[in-house]
PDB file of N, CA and C in Angstrom:
ATOM      1  N   MET A   1       1.011  -1.165   0.110  1.00  0.00           N
ATOM      2  CA  MET A   1      -0.121   0.044  -0.074  1.00  0.00           C
ATOM      3  C   MET A   1       0.833   1.294  -0.018  1.00  0.00           C
ATOM      4  N   ARG A   2       2.147   1.141   0.855  1.00  0.00           N
ATOM      5  CA  ARG A   2       3.084   2.282   0.993  1.00  0.00           C
ATOM      6  C   ARG A   2       3.665   2.801  -0.551  1.00  0.00           C
ATOM      7  N   GLN A   3       4.082   1.598  -1.377  1.00  0.00           N
ATOM      8  CA  GLN A   3       4.561   1.719  -2.394  1.00  0.00           C
ATOM      9  C   GLN A   3       3.501   2.488  -3.429  1.00  0.00           C
ATOM     10  N   THR A   4       2.249   2.246  -3.220  1.00  0.00           N
ATOM     11  CA  THR A   4       1.364   2.561  -4.315  1.00  0.00           C
ATOM     12  C   THR A   4       1.090   4.050  -3.814  1.00  0.00           C
ATOM     13  N   LEU A   5       0.778   4.445  -2.726  1.00  0.00           N
ATOM     14  CA  LEU A   5       0.847   5.945  -2.439  1.00  0.00           C
ATOM     15  C   LEU A   5       2.435   6.808  -2.932  1.00  0.00           C
ATOM     16  N   ARG A   6       3.464   5.882  -2.690  1.00  0.00           N
ATOM     17  CA  ARG A   6       4.801   6.813  -2.952  1.00  0.00           C
ATOM     18  C   ARG A   6       4.465   6.795  -4.839  1.00  0.00           C
ATOM     19  N   MET A   7       4.245   5.666  -5.723  1.00  0.00           N
ATOM     20  CA  MET A   7       3.937   6.263  -7.254  1.00  0.00           C
ATOM     21  C   MET A   7       2.971   7.097  -7.200  1.00  0.00           C
ATOM     22  N   HIS A   8       1.889   7.175  -6.362  1.00  0.00           N
ATOM     23  CA  HIS A   8       1.085   8.333  -6.800  1.00  0.00           C
ATOM     24  C   HIS A   8       1.468   9.874  -6.375  1.00  0.00           C
ATOM     25  N   HIS A   9       2.360   9.784  -5.643  1.00  0.00           N
ATOM     26  CA  HIS A   9       3.064  11.026  -5.141  1.00  0.00           C
ATOM     27  C   HIS A   9       4.139  11.290  -6.253  1.00  0.00           C
ATOM     28  N   LEU A  10       4.874  10.327  -6.779  1.00  0.00           N
ATOM     29  CA  LEU A  10       5.485  10.587  -7.949  1.00  0.00           C
ATOM     30  C   LEU A  10       5.069  10.863  -9.405  1.00  0.00           C
ATOM     31  N   TYR A  11       3.762  10.446  -9.563  1.00  0.00           N
ATOM     32  CA  TYR A  11       3.463  10.546 -11.063  1.00  0.00           C
ATOM     33  C   TYR A  11       2.678  12.290 -10.495  1.00  0.00           C
ATOM     34  N   GLY A  12       2.271  12.537  -9.349  1.00  0.00           N
ATOM     35  CA  GLY A  12       1.820  13.630  -9.196  1.00  0.00           C
ATOM     36  C   GLY A  12       2.852  14.439  -9.414  1.00  0.00           C
ATOM     37  N   LEU A  13       4.119  14.430  -8.949  1.00  0.00           N
ATOM     38  CA  LEU A  13       5.327  15.232  -9.071  1.00  0.00           C
ATOM     39  C   LEU A  13       5.316  15.330 -10.430  1.00  0.00           C
ATOM     40  N   LEU A  14       5.934  14.350 -11.336  1.00  0.00           N
ATOM     41  CA  LEU A  14       5.678  14.096 -12.996  1.00  0.00           C
ATOM     42  C   LEU A  14       4.881  15.106 -13.750  1.00  0.00           C
ATOM     43  N   ALA A  15       3.667  15.089 -13.048  1.00  0.00           N
ATOM     44  CA  ALA A  15       2.442  15.675 -13.785  1.00  0.00           C
ATOM     45  C   ALA A  15       2.686  17.005 -13.386  1.00  0.00           C
ATOM     46  N   LEU A  16       3.256  17.584 -12.421  1.00  0.00           N
ATOM     47  CA  LEU A  16       3.231  19.267 -12.323  1.00  0.00           C
ATOM     48  C   LEU A  16       4.627  19.540 -12.754  1.00  0.00           C
ATOM     49  N   LEU A  17       5.864  18.776 -12.741  1.00  0.00           N
ATOM     50  CA  LEU A  17       6.709  18.945 -14.050  1.00  0.00           C
ATOM     51  C   LEU A  17       6.446  18.971 -15.198  1.00  0.00           C
ATOM     52  N   GLY A  18       5.518  18.019 -15.725  1.00  0.00           N
ATOM     53  CA  GLY A  18       4.991  18.084 -17.389  1.00  0.00           C
ATOM     54  C   GLY A  18       3.957  19.093 -17.485  1.00  0.00           C
ATOM     55  N   LEU A  19       3.480  20.245 -16.531  1.00  0.00           N
ATOM     56  CA  LEU A  19       2.941  21.255 -16.647  1.00  0.00           C
ATOM     57  C   LEU A  19       4.008  22.486 -16.822  1.00  0.00           C
ATOM     58  N   LEU A  20       4.857  22.658 -15.859  1.00  0.00           N
ATOM     59  CA  LEU A  20       5.409  23.771 -15.732  1.00  0.00           C
ATOM     60  C   LEU A  20       6.616  23.897 -16.713  1.00  0.00           C
ATOM     61  N   LEU A  21       7.375  22.914 -17.003  1.00  0.00           N
ATOM     62  CA  LEU A  21       8.516  22.863 -17.672  1.00  0.00           C
ATOM     63  C   LEU A  21       8.114  22.949 -19.232  1.00  0.00           C
ATOM     64  N   PRO A  22       7.130  22.225 -19.976  1.00  0.00           N
ATOM     65  CA  PRO A  22       6.700  22.546 -21.514  1.00  0.00           C
ATOM     66  C   PRO A  22       6.437  24.063 -21.356  1.00  0.00           C
ATOM     67  N   TRP A  23       5.144  24.632 -20.874  1.00  0.00           N
ATOM     68  CA  TRP A  23       4.882  25.890 -20.323  1.00  0.00           C
ATOM     69  C   TRP A  23       5.683  26.708 -20.344  1.00  0.00           C
ATOM     70  N   TYR A  24       6.824  26.702 -19.745  1.00  0.00           N
ATOM     71  CA  TYR A  24       8.214  27.673 -19.509  1.00  0.00           C
ATOM     72  C   TYR A  24       8.306  27.797 -21.006  1.00  0.00           C
ATOM     73  N   PHE A  25       9.092  26.896 -21.638  1.00  0.00           N
ATOM     74  CA  PHE A  25       9.408  26.876 -22.823  1.00  0.00           C
ATOM     75  C   PHE A  25       8.303  27.590 -23.683  1.00  0.00           C
ATOM     76  N   ASN A  26       6.980  26.892 -24.092  1.00  0.00           N
ATOM     77  CA  ASN A  26       5.978  27.832 -24.150  1.00  0.00           C
ATOM     78  C   ASN A  26       5.722  29.155 -24.405  1.00  0.00           C
ATOM     79  N   LEU A  27       5.875  29.604 -23.259  1.00  0.00           N
ATOM     80  CA  LEU A  27       5.945  31.121 -22.986  1.00  0.00           C
ATOM     81  C   LEU A  27       6.909  31.672 -23.516  1.00  0.00           C
ATOM     82  N   LEU A  28       8.187  31.089 -23.461  1.00  0.00           N
ATOM     83  CA  LEU A  28       9.376  32.290 -24.209  1.00  0.00           C
ATOM     84  C   LEU A  28       9.118  32.125 -25.709  1.00  0.00           C
ATOM     85  N   TYR A  29       9.012  30.856 -26.169  1.00  0.00           N
ATOM     86  CA  TYR A  29       8.629  30.916 -27.560  1.00  0.00           C
ATOM     87  C   TYR A  29       7.214  32.353 -28.180  1.00  0.00           C
ATOM     88  N   PHE A  30       6.431  32.028 -27.258  1.00  0.00           N
ATOM     89  CA  PHE A  30       5.111  33.330 -27.030  1.00  0.00           C
ATOM     90  C   PHE A  30       6.109  34.830 -27.339  1.00  0.00           C
ATOM     91  N   ALA A  31       6.994  34.686 -26.260  1.00  0.00           N
ATOM     92  CA  ALA A  31       7.469  36.186 -25.882  1.00  0.00           C
ATOM     93  C   ALA A  31       8.570  36.409 -26.919  1.00  0.00           C
ATOM     94  N   ALA A  32       9.035  35.631 -27.759  1.00  0.00           N
ATOM     95  CA  ALA A  32       9.751  35.961 -28.999  1.00  0.00           C
ATOM     96  C   ALA A  32       8.805  35.926 -29.753  1.00  0.00           C
ATOM     97  N   GLY A  33       8.077  36.137 -30.026  1.00  0.00           N
ATOM     98  CA  GLY A  33       7.121  36.623 -31.319  1.00  0.00           C
ATOM     99  C   GLY A  33       6.362  35.043 -32.112  1.00  0.00           C
ATOM    100  N   GLY A  34       6.290  34.274 -31.133  1.00  0.00           N
ATOM    101  CA  GLY A  34       5.464  32.852 -31.716  1.00  0.00           C
ATOM    102  C   GLY A  34       4.021  33.112 -31.257  1.00  0.00           C
ATOM    103  N   SER A  35       3.292  32.184 -32.414  1.00  0.00           N
ATOM    104  CA  SER A  35       2.114  32.687 -32.255  1.00  0.00           C
ATOM    105  C   SER A  35       1.347  30.893 -32.405  1.00  0.00           C
ATOM    106  N   ILE A  36       0.204  30.992 -32.408  1.00  0.00           N
ATOM    107  CA  ILE A  36      -0.749  29.560 -32.460  1.00  0.00           C
ATOM    108  C   ILE A  36      -1.539  29.727 -33.983  1.00  0.00           C
ATOM    109  N   ARG A  37      -0.969  30.852 -34.815  1.00  0.00           N
ATOM    110  CA  ARG A  37      -1.530  30.700 -36.162  1.00  0.00           C
ATOM    111  C   ARG A  37      -1.135  29.645 -36.744  1.00  0.00           C
ATOM    112  N   PRO A  38      -2.084  28.960 -37.229  1.00  0.00           N
ATOM    113  CA  PRO A  38      -1.738  27.954 -37.669  1.00  0.00           C
ATOM    114  C   PRO A  38      -0.304  27.505 -38.842  1.00  0.00           C
ATOM    115  N   GLU A  39      -0.402  28.826 -39.702  1.00  0.00           N
ATOM    116  CA  GLU A  39       0.929  28.969 -40.570  1.00  0.00           C
ATOM    117  C   GLU A  39       2.052  28.932 -39.844  1.00  0.00           C
ATOM    118  N   LEU A  40       2.242  29.709 -38.881  1.00  0.00           N
ATOM    119  CA  LEU A  40       3.307  29.807 -38.160  1.00  0.00           C
ATOM    120  C   LEU A  40       3.431  29.090 -36.920  1.00  0.00           C
ATOM    121  N   PHE A  41       2.490  28.487 -36.492  1.00  0.00           N
ATOM    122  CA  PHE A  41       3.055  27.104 -35.636  1.00  0.00           C
ATOM    123  C   PHE A  41       3.346  26.372 -36.057  1.00  0.00           C
ATOM    124  N   TRP A  42       3.061  25.675 -37.108  1.00  0.00           N
ATOM    125  CA  TRP A  42       2.961  24.365 -37.878  1.00  0.00           C
ATOM    126  C   TRP A  42       4.283  24.590 -38.282  1.00  0.00           C
ATOM    127  N   GLY A  43       4.920  25.873 -39.118  1.00  0.00           N
ATOM    128  CA  GLY A  43       6.030  26.106 -40.071  1.00  0.00           C
ATOM    129  C   GLY A  43       7.326  26.041 -38.802  1.00  0.00           C
ATOM    130  N   HIS A  44       6.663  26.307 -37.379  1.00  0.00           N
ATOM    131  CA  HIS A  44       7.674  26.302 -36.576  1.00  0.00           C
ATOM    132  C   HIS A  44       8.256  24.840 -36.279  1.00  0.00           C
ATOM    133  N   ALA A  45       6.693  24.431 -35.980  1.00  0.00           N
ATOM    134  CA  ALA A  45       6.900  22.539 -35.663  1.00  0.00           C
ATOM    135  C   ALA A  45       7.452  22.038 -36.314  1.00  0.00           C
ATOM    136  N   PHE A  46       7.248  22.050 -37.525  1.00  0.00           N
ATOM    137  CA  PHE A  46       8.094  21.002 -38.533  1.00  0.00           C
ATOM    138  C   PHE A  46       9.431  21.698 -39.441  1.00  0.00           C
ATOM    139  N   ALA A  47      10.226  23.001 -38.782  1.00  0.00           N
ATOM    140  CA  ALA A  47      11.214  23.316 -39.383  1.00  0.00           C
ATOM    141  C   ALA A  47      12.145  22.412 -39.788  1.00  0.00           C
ATOM    142  N   ASN A  48      12.527  21.502 -38.833  1.00  0.00           N
ATOM    143  CA  ASN A  48      13.657  20.938 -39.405  1.00  0.00           C
ATOM    144  C   ASN A  48      13.261  19.055 -39.082  1.00  0.00           C
ATOM    145  N   ALA A  49      14.189  18.451 -39.556  1.00  0.00           N
ATOM    146  CA  ALA A  49      14.136  16.931 -39.225  1.00  0.00           C
ATOM    147  C   ALA A  49      13.914  16.631 -37.897  1.00  0.00           C
ATOM    148  N   LEU A  50      14.520  17.157 -36.744  1.00  0.00           N
ATOM    149  CA  LEU A  50      14.519  17.306 -35.511  1.00  0.00           C
ATOM    150  C   LEU A  50      13.058  17.698 -34.982  1.00  0.00           C
ATOM    151  N   THR A  51      12.506  18.787 -34.932  1.00  0.00           N
ATOM    152  CA  THR A  51      11.401  18.920 -34.869  1.00  0.00           C
ATOM    153  C   THR A  51      10.401  18.312 -35.424  1.00  0.00           C
ATOM    154  N   THR A  52      10.817  18.076 -36.372  1.00  0.00           N
ATOM    155  CA  THR A  52       9.244  17.382 -37.061  1.00  0.00           C
ATOM    156  C   THR A  52       9.087  15.953 -36.582  1.00  0.00           C
ATOM    157  N   GLY A  53      10.282  15.161 -36.223  1.00  0.00           N
ATOM    158  CA  GLY A  53      10.232  14.217 -35.466  1.00  0.00           C
ATOM    159  C   GLY A  53       9.824  14.136 -34.074  1.00  0.00           C
ATOM    160  N   ILE A  54      10.191  15.459 -33.094  1.00  0.00           N
ATOM    161  CA  ILE A  54       9.811  15.461 -31.857  1.00  0.00           C
ATOM    162  C   ILE A  54       8.423  15.629 -31.992  1.00  0.00           C
ATOM    163  N   THR A  55       7.628  16.633 -33.259  1.00  0.00           N
ATOM    164  CA  THR A  55       6.296  16.809 -33.223  1.00  0.00           C
ATOM    165  C   THR A  55       5.414  16.012 -32.998  1.00  0.00           C
ATOM    166  N   LEU A  56       6.008  15.064 -34.207  1.00  0.00           N
ATOM    167  CA  LEU A  56       5.123  13.462 -34.798  1.00  0.00           C
ATOM    168  C   LEU A  56       5.018  12.802 -33.372  1.00  0.00           C
ATOM    169  N   ASP A  57       6.187  12.067 -32.972  1.00  0.00           N
ATOM    170  CA  ASP A  57       6.431  11.387 -31.778  1.00  0.00           C
ATOM    171  C   ASP A  57       5.381  12.119 -30.671  1.00  0.00           C
ATOM    172  N   VAL A  58       5.328  13.419 -30.227  1.00  0.00           N
ATOM    173  CA  VAL A  58       4.827  13.863 -29.190  1.00  0.00           C
ATOM    174  C   VAL A  58       3.170  13.524 -29.607  1.00  0.00           C
ATOM    175  N   TYR A  59       2.895  14.287 -30.844  1.00  0.00           N
ATOM    176  CA  TYR A  59       1.369  14.242 -31.123  1.00  0.00           C
ATOM    177  C   TYR A  59       0.576  12.707 -31.175  1.00  0.00           C
ATOM    178  N   LEU A  60       1.816  11.918 -32.087  1.00  0.00           N
ATOM    179  CA  LEU A  60       1.061  10.485 -32.015  1.00  0.00           C
ATOM    180  C   LEU A  60       0.812   9.704 -31.033  1.00  0.00           C
ATOM    181  N   ALA A  61       1.764  10.088 -29.649  1.00  0.00           N
ATOM    182  CA  ALA A  61       1.708   9.251 -28.248  1.00  0.00           C
ATOM    183  C   ALA A  61       0.248  10.149 -27.920  1.00  0.00           C
ATOM    184  N   ALA A  62      -0.075  11.345 -28.173  1.00  0.00           N
ATOM    185  CA  ALA A  62      -1.101  12.389 -27.407  1.00  0.00           C
ATOM    186  C   ALA A  62      -1.985  11.367 -28.111  1.00  0.00           C
ATOM    187  N   ILE A  63      -2.544  10.988 -29.195  1.00  0.00           N
ATOM    188  CA  ILE A  63      -3.562  10.689 -29.607  1.00  0.00           C
ATOM    189  C   ILE A  63      -3.626   9.213 -29.368  1.00  0.00           C
ATOM    190  N   ALA A  64      -2.444   8.268 -29.187  1.00  0.00           N
ATOM    191  CA  ALA A  64      -2.535   7.305 -28.485  1.00  0.00           C
ATOM    192  C   ALA A  64      -3.289   7.403 -26.643  1.00  0.00           C
ATOM    193  N   PHE A  65      -2.806   7.768 -26.293  1.00  0.00           N
ATOM    194  CA  PHE A  65      -2.912   8.408 -25.200  1.00  0.00           C
ATOM    195  C   PHE A  65      -4.755   8.824 -25.099  1.00  0.00           C
ATOM    196  N   SER A  66      -5.195   9.712 -26.037  1.00  0.00           N
ATOM    197  CA  SER A  66      -6.553  10.221 -26.137  1.00  0.00           C
ATOM    198  C   SER A  66      -7.546   9.069 -26.090  1.00  0.00           C
ATOM    199  N   VAL A  67      -7.399   8.064 -27.201  1.00  0.00           N
ATOM    200  CA  VAL A  67      -7.985   6.820 -27.587  1.00  0.00           C
ATOM    201  C   VAL A  67      -7.972   5.936 -26.201  1.00  0.00           C
ATOM    202  N   TRP A  68      -6.989   5.698 -25.637  1.00  0.00           N
ATOM    203  CA  TRP A  68      -6.816   5.119 -24.472  1.00  0.00           C
ATOM    204  C   TRP A  68      -7.778   5.576 -23.091  1.00  0.00           C
ATOM    205  N   VAL A  69      -7.952   6.720 -22.834  1.00  0.00           N
ATOM    206  CA  VAL A  69      -8.433   7.598 -22.003  1.00  0.00           C
ATOM    207  C   VAL A  69      -9.921   7.745 -22.431  1.00  0.00           C
ATOM    208  N   ALA A  70     -10.005   7.633 -23.745  1.00  0.00           N
ATOM    209  CA  ALA A  70     -11.460   7.894 -24.334  1.00  0.00           C
ATOM    210  C   ALA A  70     -12.261   6.553 -24.082  1.00  0.00           C
ATOM    211  N   THR A  71     -11.552   5.571 -24.405  1.00  0.00           N
ATOM    212  CA  THR A  71     -12.393   4.227 -23.512  1.00  0.00           C
ATOM    213  C   THR A  71     -12.479   3.900 -22.217  1.00  0.00           C
ATOM    214  N   ASP A  72     -11.673   4.746 -21.126  1.00  0.00           N
ATOM    215  CA  ASP A  72     -11.772   3.876 -20.291  1.00  0.00           C
ATOM    216  C   ASP A  72     -12.971   4.809 -19.137  1.00  0.00           C
ATOM    217  N   ARG A  73     -14.045   3.991 -19.404  1.00  0.00           N
ATOM    218  CA  ARG A  73     -15.372   4.484 -18.991  1.00  0.00           C
ATOM    219  C   ARG A  73     -15.204   4.833 -16.995  1.00  0.00           C
ATOM    220  N   SER A  74     -14.313   3.960 -16.828  1.00  0.00           N
ATOM    221  CA  SER A  74     -14.423   4.122 -15.316  1.00  0.00           C
ATOM    222  C   SER A  74     -14.042   5.744 -14.799  1.00  0.00           C
ATOM    223  N   LEU A  75     -13.526   6.409 -15.540  1.00  0.00           N
ATOM    224  CA  LEU A  75     -13.156   7.965 -15.216  1.00  0.00           C
ATOM    225  C   LEU A  75     -14.593   8.448 -15.248  1.00  0.00           C
ATOM    226  N   GLY A  76     -15.460   8.346 -15.906  1.00  0.00           N
ATOM    227  CA  GLY A  76     -16.371   8.953 -16.301  1.00  0.00           C
ATOM    228  C   GLY A  76     -16.123  10.162 -16.998  1.00  0.00           C
ATOM    229  N   ARG A  77     -16.905  11.104 -16.542  1.00  0.00           N
ATOM    230  CA  ARG A  77     -17.015  12.482 -17.744  1.00  0.00           C
ATOM    231  C   ARG A  77     -15.277  13.380 -17.444  1.00  0.00           C
ATOM    232  N   TRP A  78     -14.736  12.620 -16.489  1.00  0.00           N
ATOM    233  CA  TRP A  78     -13.566  13.169 -16.262  1.00  0.00           C
ATOM    234  C   TRP A  78     -12.287  12.800 -17.453  1.00  0.00           C
ATOM    235  N   ARG A  79     -12.557  11.764 -18.229  1.00  0.00           N
ATOM    236  CA  ARG A  79     -11.808  11.477 -19.146  1.00  0.00           C
ATOM    237  C   ARG A  79     -11.858  12.304 -20.342  1.00  0.00           C
ATOM    238  N   TRP A  80     -12.833  13.349 -20.396  1.00  0.00           N
ATOM    239  CA  TRP A  80     -12.906  14.330 -21.716  1.00  0.00           C
ATOM    240  C   TRP A  80     -11.866  15.141 -20.842  1.00  0.00           C
ATOM    241  N   ALA A  81     -11.660  15.668 -19.613  1.00  0.00           N
ATOM    242  CA  ALA A  81     -11.072  16.803 -19.401  1.00  0.00           C
ATOM    243  C   ALA A  81      -9.481  16.182 -19.372  1.00  0.00           C
ATOM    244  N   LEU A  82      -9.346  15.280 -19.277  1.00  0.00           N
ATOM    245  CA  LEU A  82      -7.881  14.784 -19.140  1.00  0.00           C
ATOM    246  C   LEU A  82      -7.398  14.704 -20.654  1.00  0.00           C
ATOM    247  N   ILE A  83      -8.513  14.257 -21.693  1.00  0.00           N
ATOM    248  CA  ILE A  83      -7.867  14.616 -23.135  1.00  0.00           C
ATOM    249  C   ILE A  83      -7.701  15.987 -23.475  1.00  0.00           C
ATOM    250  N   ALA A  84      -8.566  17.068 -22.973  1.00  0.00           N
ATOM    251  CA  ALA A  84      -8.799  18.186 -22.994  1.00  0.00           C
ATOM    252  C   ALA A  84      -6.688  18.575 -22.526  1.00  0.00           C
ATOM    253  N   ALA A  85      -6.902  18.285 -21.349  1.00  0.00           N
ATOM    254  CA  ALA A  85      -5.401  18.769 -20.939  1.00  0.00           C
ATOM    255  C   ALA A  85      -4.268  18.082 -21.557  1.00  0.00           C
ATOM    256  N   CYS A  86      -4.285  16.895 -22.171  1.00  0.00           N
ATOM    257  CA  CYS A  86      -3.255  16.449 -22.961  1.00  0.00           C
ATOM    258  C   CYS A  86      -3.128  17.575 -24.033  1.00  0.00           C
ATOM    259  N   PHE A  87      -4.079  18.007 -24.854  1.00  0.00           N
ATOM    260  CA  PHE A  87      -3.808  18.773 -25.760  1.00  0.00           C
ATOM    261  C   PHE A  87      -4.002  20.311 -25.746  1.00  0.00           C
ATOM    262  N   GLY A  88      -4.499  20.839 -24.266  1.00  0.00           N
ATOM    263  CA  GLY A  88      -4.283  21.778 -24.249  1.00  0.00           C
ATOM    264  C   GLY A  88      -3.042  22.678 -23.313  1.00  0.00           C
ATOM    265  N   ALA A  89      -3.060  21.666 -22.461  1.00  0.00           N
ATOM    266  CA  ALA A  89      -1.763  22.090 -21.388  1.00  0.00           C
ATOM    267  C   ALA A  89      -0.574  21.033 -22.172  1.00  0.00           C
ATOM    268  N   SER A  90      -0.507  19.643 -21.687  1.00  0.00           N
ATOM    269  CA  SER A  90       0.877  18.906 -22.539  1.00  0.00           C
ATOM    270  C   SER A  90       0.542  17.375 -21.987  1.00  0.00           C
ATOM    271  N   LEU A  91       0.768  16.578 -23.358  1.00  0.00           N
ATOM    272  CA  LEU A  91       0.909  14.885 -22.647  1.00  0.00           C
ATOM    273  C   LEU A  91       1.666  14.993 -21.595  1.00  0.00           C
ATOM    274  N   ALA A  92       2.752  15.407 -21.511  1.00  0.00           N
ATOM    275  CA  ALA A  92       3.871  15.163 -20.082  1.00  0.00           C
ATOM    276  C   ALA A  92       2.935  15.651 -18.891  1.00  0.00           C
ATOM    277  N   PHE A  93       2.145  16.192 -18.838  1.00  0.00           N
ATOM    278  CA  PHE A  93       1.248  16.659 -17.801  1.00  0.00           C
ATOM    279  C   PHE A  93       0.098  15.806 -17.479  1.00  0.00           C
ATOM    280  N   ALA A  94      -0.813  15.224 -18.641  1.00  0.00           N
ATOM    281  CA  ALA A  94      -1.990  14.460 -18.687  1.00  0.00           C
ATOM    282  C   ALA A  94      -1.846  13.045 -18.561  1.00  0.00           C
ATOM    283  N   LEU A  95      -0.680  12.530 -18.813  1.00  0.00           N
ATOM    284  CA  LEU A  95      -0.161  11.081 -18.694  1.00  0.00           C
ATOM    285  C   LEU A  95      -0.105  10.860 -17.362  1.00  0.00           C
ATOM    286  N   PRO A  96       1.073  11.778 -16.566  1.00  0.00           N
ATOM    287  CA  PRO A  96       0.880  11.032 -15.420  1.00  0.00           C
ATOM    288  C   PRO A  96       0.069  11.423 -14.344  1.00  0.00           C
ATOM    289  N   LEU A  97      -0.951  12.583 -14.619  1.00  0.00           N
ATOM    290  CA  LEU A  97      -2.103  13.077 -14.028  1.00  0.00           C
ATOM    291  C   LEU A  97      -2.697  11.599 -14.071  1.00  0.00           C
ATOM    292  N   TYR A  98      -3.407  11.151 -15.270  1.00  0.00           N
ATOM    293  CA  TYR A  98      -4.101   9.864 -15.504  1.00  0.00           C
ATOM    294  C   TYR A  98      -3.728   8.896 -14.910  1.00  0.00           C
ATOM    295  N   LEU A  99      -2.195   8.517 -14.806  1.00  0.00           N
ATOM    296  CA  LEU A  99      -1.468   7.640 -14.036  1.00  0.00           C
ATOM    297  C   LEU A  99      -1.568   7.630 -12.320  1.00  0.00           C
ATOM    298  N   ALA A 100      -1.450   8.738 -11.953  1.00  0.00           N
ATOM    299  CA  ALA A 100      -1.659   9.486 -10.274  1.00  0.00           C
ATOM    300  C   ALA A 100      -3.241   8.681 -10.303  1.00  0.00           C
ATOM    301  N   ILE A 101      -4.098   9.203 -10.932  1.00  0.00           N
ATOM    302  CA  ILE A 101      -5.660   9.251 -10.485  1.00  0.00           C
ATOM    303  C   ILE A 101      -5.602   7.819 -10.562  1.00  0.00           C
ATOM    304  N   GLN A 102      -5.142   6.308 -11.203  1.00  0.00           N
ATOM    305  CA  GLN A 102      -5.274   5.416 -11.410  1.00  0.00           C
ATOM    306  C   GLN A 102      -4.700   4.620 -10.318  1.00  0.00           C
ATOM    307  N   ARG A 103      -3.877   4.718  -9.640  1.00  0.00           N
ATOM    308  CA  ARG A 103      -2.786   4.929  -8.808  1.00  0.00           C
ATOM    309  C   ARG A 103      -3.768   4.810  -7.133  1.00  0.00           C
ATOM    310  N   LEU A 104      -4.345   6.195  -7.287  1.00  0.00           N
ATOM    311  CA  LEU A 104      -5.227   6.484  -6.132  1.00  0.00           C
ATOM    312  C   LEU A 104      -6.424   5.753  -6.218  1.00  0.00           C
ATOM    313  N   ARG A 105      -6.821   5.664  -7.054  1.00  0.00           N
ATOM    314  CA  ARG A 105      -8.218   4.827  -7.182  1.00  0.00           C
ATOM    315  C   ARG A 105      -7.702   3.209  -6.751  1.00  0.00           C
ATOM    316  N   GLY A 106      -6.690   2.425  -7.183  1.00  0.00           N
ATOM    317  CA  GLY A 106      -6.580   1.095  -6.981  1.00  0.00           C
ATOM    318  C   GLY A 106      -5.751   1.089  -5.666  1.00  0.00           C
ATOM    319  N   TRP A 107      -5.349   2.270  -5.043  1.00  0.00           N
ATOM    320  CA  TRP A 107      -5.056   2.459  -3.686  1.00  0.00           C
ATOM    321  C   TRP A 107      -6.342   2.188  -2.458  1.00  0.00           C
ATOM    322  N   ARG A 108      -7.375   2.895  -2.965  1.00  0.00           N
ATOM    323  CA  ARG A 108      -8.294   3.200  -2.567  1.00  0.00           C
ATOM    324  C   ARG A 108      -9.295   1.879  -2.587  1.00  0.00           C
ATOM    325  N   MET A 109      -8.933   1.134  -3.343  1.00  0.00           N
ATOM    326  CA  MET A 109     -10.007  -0.242  -3.467  1.00  0.00           C
ATOM    327  C   MET A 109      -9.326  -0.983  -2.522  1.00  0.00           C
ATOM    328  N   GLU A 110      -8.026  -0.845  -2.364  1.00  0.00           N
ATOM    329  CA  GLU A 110      -7.012  -2.080  -1.489  1.00  0.00           C
ATOM    330  C   GLU A 110      -7.365  -1.936  -0.170  1.00  0.00           C
ATOM    331  N   GLY A 111      -7.731  -0.363   0.186  1.00  0.00           N
ATOM    332  CA  GLY A 111      -7.858  -0.215   1.761  1.00  0.00           C
ATOM    333  C   GLY A 111      -9.291  -0.541   2.262  1.00  0.00           C
TER     334      GLY A 111
END
């Protein structure tokens, strides 16, 4: 039971880092003149082979995560909030948050 609670806290910490670290760089991007206008944003996201690979990796993983979460009926309507968080905040935030929720639910069922 202690290990489950420790893992819950670890996933919570990773979710916090997954929210703060990407958004630090997102804010730097916007401060430097970046935009969410599709032609500018996607142009930057696919600027070279490295950014193209990273962009495709993250978006494909986000889609796979979203399909998984969308089919997890045990979360009820919260599953849609996790999917919105995945694309609105970051996959690095939504995925560990989902794992933390699952750990906490499992811990409560054990106790």
